[in-house]
Amino acid sequence: MSSTPPDGKLPYRCLTGLDDDKFCARVSDALRQGWRLHGSPSITSDGTNRYVAQAVIWPGYGD
């Protein structure tokens, strides 16, 4: 696996969005591309919707 993320992206990303299938698909796509989870997911609510965040890093970043 290349030490450089695809498409010129930075080696750290924080994916955010509504807690729905689309968000889960974005995280799953990142994992399929080779990204690794970094830390635990975060979740918050505005009383109506739930919002989630998950950090991912490219392998080798920070080693």
Protein backbone atom coordinates (compact mmCIF):
# COMPACT_ATOMS: atom_id res chain seq x y z
CA MET A 1 0.00 0.00 0.00
CA SER A 2 1.28 3.45 -0.89
CA SER A 3 2.23 5.76 1.98
CA THR A 4 0.37 8.57 0.20
CA PRO A 5 -3.43 8.76 0.41
CA PRO A 6 -5.39 8.49 -2.85
CA ASP A 7 -6.45 11.57 -4.80
CA GLY A 8 -4.00 13.86 -3.01
CA LYS A 9 -6.01 13.80 0.21
CA LEU A 10 -4.41 14.64 3.53
CA PRO A 11 -3.43 11.60 5.66
CA TYR A 12 -5.99 12.48 8.36
CA ARG A 13 -9.71 12.87 7.70
CA CYS A 14 -12.71 13.37 9.96
CA LEU A 15 -15.85 12.04 8.33
CA THR A 16 -19.05 13.63 9.63
CA GLY A 17 -22.74 13.47 8.87
CA LEU A 18 -26.18 12.33 9.90
CA ASP A 19 -26.29 8.93 11.58
CA ASP A 20 -27.67 7.09 8.55
CA ASP A 21 -26.81 4.52 5.90
CA LYS A 22 -25.05 7.16 3.78
CA PHE A 23 -22.61 7.94 6.59
CA CYS A 24 -21.96 4.25 7.20
CA ALA A 25 -21.33 3.79 3.47
CA ARG A 26 -18.80 6.67 3.48
CA VAL A 27 -16.87 5.10 6.37
CA SER A 28 -17.07 1.67 4.72
CA ASP A 29 -15.78 3.11 1.43
CA ALA A 30 -12.86 4.74 3.23
CA LEU A 31 -11.99 1.41 4.87
CA ARG A 32 -12.14 -0.37 1.50
CA GLN A 33 -9.76 2.25 0.06
CA GLY A 34 -7.23 1.43 2.79
CA TRP A 35 -7.97 4.07 5.45
CA ARG A 36 -7.87 2.94 9.10
CA LEU A 37 -10.16 4.01 11.93
CA HIS A 38 -8.53 6.44 14.36
CA GLY A 39 -10.11 6.64 17.79
CA SER A 40 -13.72 6.10 18.67
CA PRO A 41 -16.70 7.52 16.81
CA SER A 42 -18.48 10.50 18.29
CA ILE A 43 -22.24 11.08 18.29
CA THR A 44 -24.40 14.04 19.24
CA SER A 45 -28.02 15.04 18.82
CA ASP A 46 -29.88 18.28 18.26
CA GLY A 47 -33.06 16.79 19.70
CA THR A 48 -34.28 15.69 16.28
CA ASN A 49 -31.30 14.26 14.39
CA ARG A 50 -28.22 12.32 15.46
CA TYR A 51 -24.87 13.36 14.00
CA VAL A 52 -21.75 11.22 13.95
CA ALA A 53 -18.05 11.72 13.35
CA GLN A 54 -15.28 9.20 12.74
CA ALA A 55 -11.63 10.02 12.21
CA VAL A 56 -9.62 7.93 9.76
CA ILE A 57 -5.90 7.98 8.99
CA TRP A 58 -3.88 6.65 6.11
CA PRO A 59 -1.64 3.69 7.09
CA GLY A 60 1.87 4.80 8.02
CA TYR A 61 0.82 8.31 9.04
CA GLY A 62 2.46 9.25 12.31
CA ASP A 63 4.65 6.13 12.45
